[in-house]
Amino acid sequence: MGIALGLLLIAPSWMRLAGIVPCAVWVTLVSRDIMGDGWHRFSDVMGSVLLAAAIVSLVAAMVAVGGRRMGGLALVATLVGGPMAR
């Protein structure tokens, strides 16, 4: 999940929309195999997906500010409020 989201984060804007489907398919197949082999349960997979999404959202929020340094409270508010604003 981290690799897929990282690739989407650094991809040019015109390529992001086309890259969502292959990345989602890859994450789904890897998650299915990990759960099918009995290594992890569904809650483990969902926890890792949510953690990776939170970290990438934090990085995207820092990049979206345009290079200005943000304080901790402003960064958390952007992370929490950003997805709800759209």
Protein backbone atom coordinates (compact mmCIF):
# COMPACT_ATOMS: atom_id res chain seq x y z
CA MET A 1 0.00 0.00 0.00
CA GLY A 2 2.81 2.37 0.86
CA ILE A 3 4.56 1.74 -2.44
CA ALA A 4 1.35 2.19 -4.43
CA LEU A 5 0.44 5.44 -2.67
CA GLY A 6 4.00 6.70 -2.94
CA LEU A 7 3.96 6.11 -6.68
CA LEU A 8 0.65 7.93 -6.98
CA LEU A 9 2.02 10.81 -4.90
CA ILE A 10 5.06 11.38 -7.11
CA ALA A 11 3.30 10.72 -10.43
CA PRO A 12 2.40 13.65 -12.67
CA SER A 13 -1.18 14.83 -12.26
CA TRP A 14 -2.27 13.50 -15.66
CA MET A 15 -1.04 10.00 -14.75
CA ARG A 16 -2.58 9.74 -11.26
CA LEU A 17 -6.11 8.94 -12.38
CA ALA A 18 -4.92 6.19 -14.70
CA GLY A 19 -2.65 4.78 -11.99
CA ILE A 20 -5.34 4.35 -9.35
CA VAL A 21 -6.83 1.19 -10.86
CA PRO A 22 -3.56 -0.78 -11.29
CA CYS A 23 -2.41 0.24 -7.81
CA ALA A 24 -5.73 -0.80 -6.26
CA VAL A 25 -5.64 -4.14 -8.08
CA TRP A 26 -2.06 -4.77 -6.92
CA VAL A 27 -2.86 -3.95 -3.28
CA THR A 28 -5.97 -6.15 -3.43
CA LEU A 29 -4.09 -9.13 -4.85
CA VAL A 30 -1.24 -8.85 -2.36
CA SER A 31 -3.70 -8.48 0.53
CA ARG A 32 -5.69 -11.49 -0.65
CA ASP A 33 -2.56 -13.63 -0.86
CA ILE A 34 -1.33 -12.56 2.58
CA MET A 35 -4.68 -13.38 4.17
CA GLY A 36 -5.08 -16.58 2.12
CA ASP A 37 -1.74 -17.94 3.30
CA GLY A 38 -2.81 -17.32 6.88
CA TRP A 39 -0.07 -14.81 7.68
CA HIS A 40 -2.44 -11.99 8.62
CA ARG A 41 -6.09 -11.43 9.37
CA PHE A 42 -8.35 -8.90 7.69
CA SER A 43 -7.93 -6.44 10.57
CA ASP A 44 -4.13 -6.49 10.10
CA VAL A 45 -4.47 -5.69 6.42
CA MET A 46 -6.99 -2.90 7.03
CA GLY A 47 -4.79 -1.43 9.76
CA SER A 48 -1.81 -1.29 7.42
CA VAL A 49 -3.92 0.24 4.63
CA LEU A 50 -5.26 2.93 6.96
CA LEU A 51 -1.81 3.65 8.42
CA ALA A 52 -0.27 4.00 4.96
CA ALA A 53 -3.12 6.26 3.84
CA ALA A 54 -2.69 8.46 6.94
CA ILE A 55 1.06 8.81 6.41
CA VAL A 56 0.69 9.63 2.70
CA SER A 57 -2.06 12.14 3.55
CA LEU A 58 0.29 13.79 6.03
CA VAL A 59 3.04 14.04 3.42
CA ALA A 60 0.59 15.35 0.82
CA ALA A 61 -0.64 17.97 3.27
CA MET A 62 2.93 19.12 3.87
CA VAL A 63 3.60 19.31 0.12
CA ALA A 64 0.32 21.13 -0.58
CA VAL A 65 1.32 24.04 1.61
CA GLY A 66 3.85 25.04 -1.01
CA GLY A 67 7.04 24.65 0.97
CA ARG A 68 6.03 26.85 3.90
CA ARG A 69 6.75 25.36 7.29
CA MET A 70 3.62 24.44 9.23
CA GLY A 71 3.21 24.21 12.97
CA GLY A 72 2.12 20.94 14.54
CA LEU A 73 -1.45 22.03 15.23
CA ALA A 74 -1.91 23.42 11.71
CA LEU A 75 -0.50 20.22 10.23
CA VAL A 76 -2.89 18.02 12.21
CA ALA A 77 -5.82 20.30 11.35
CA THR A 78 -4.90 20.07 7.66
CA LEU A 79 -4.58 16.30 7.87
CA VAL A 80 -7.95 15.86 9.58
CA GLY A 81 -9.84 18.67 7.90
CA GLY A 82 -8.39 18.34 4.42
CA PRO A 83 -10.24 15.19 3.34
CA MET A 84 -13.50 16.49 4.80
CA ALA A 85 -13.20 19.82 2.94
CA ARG A 86 -13.42 18.18 -0.49
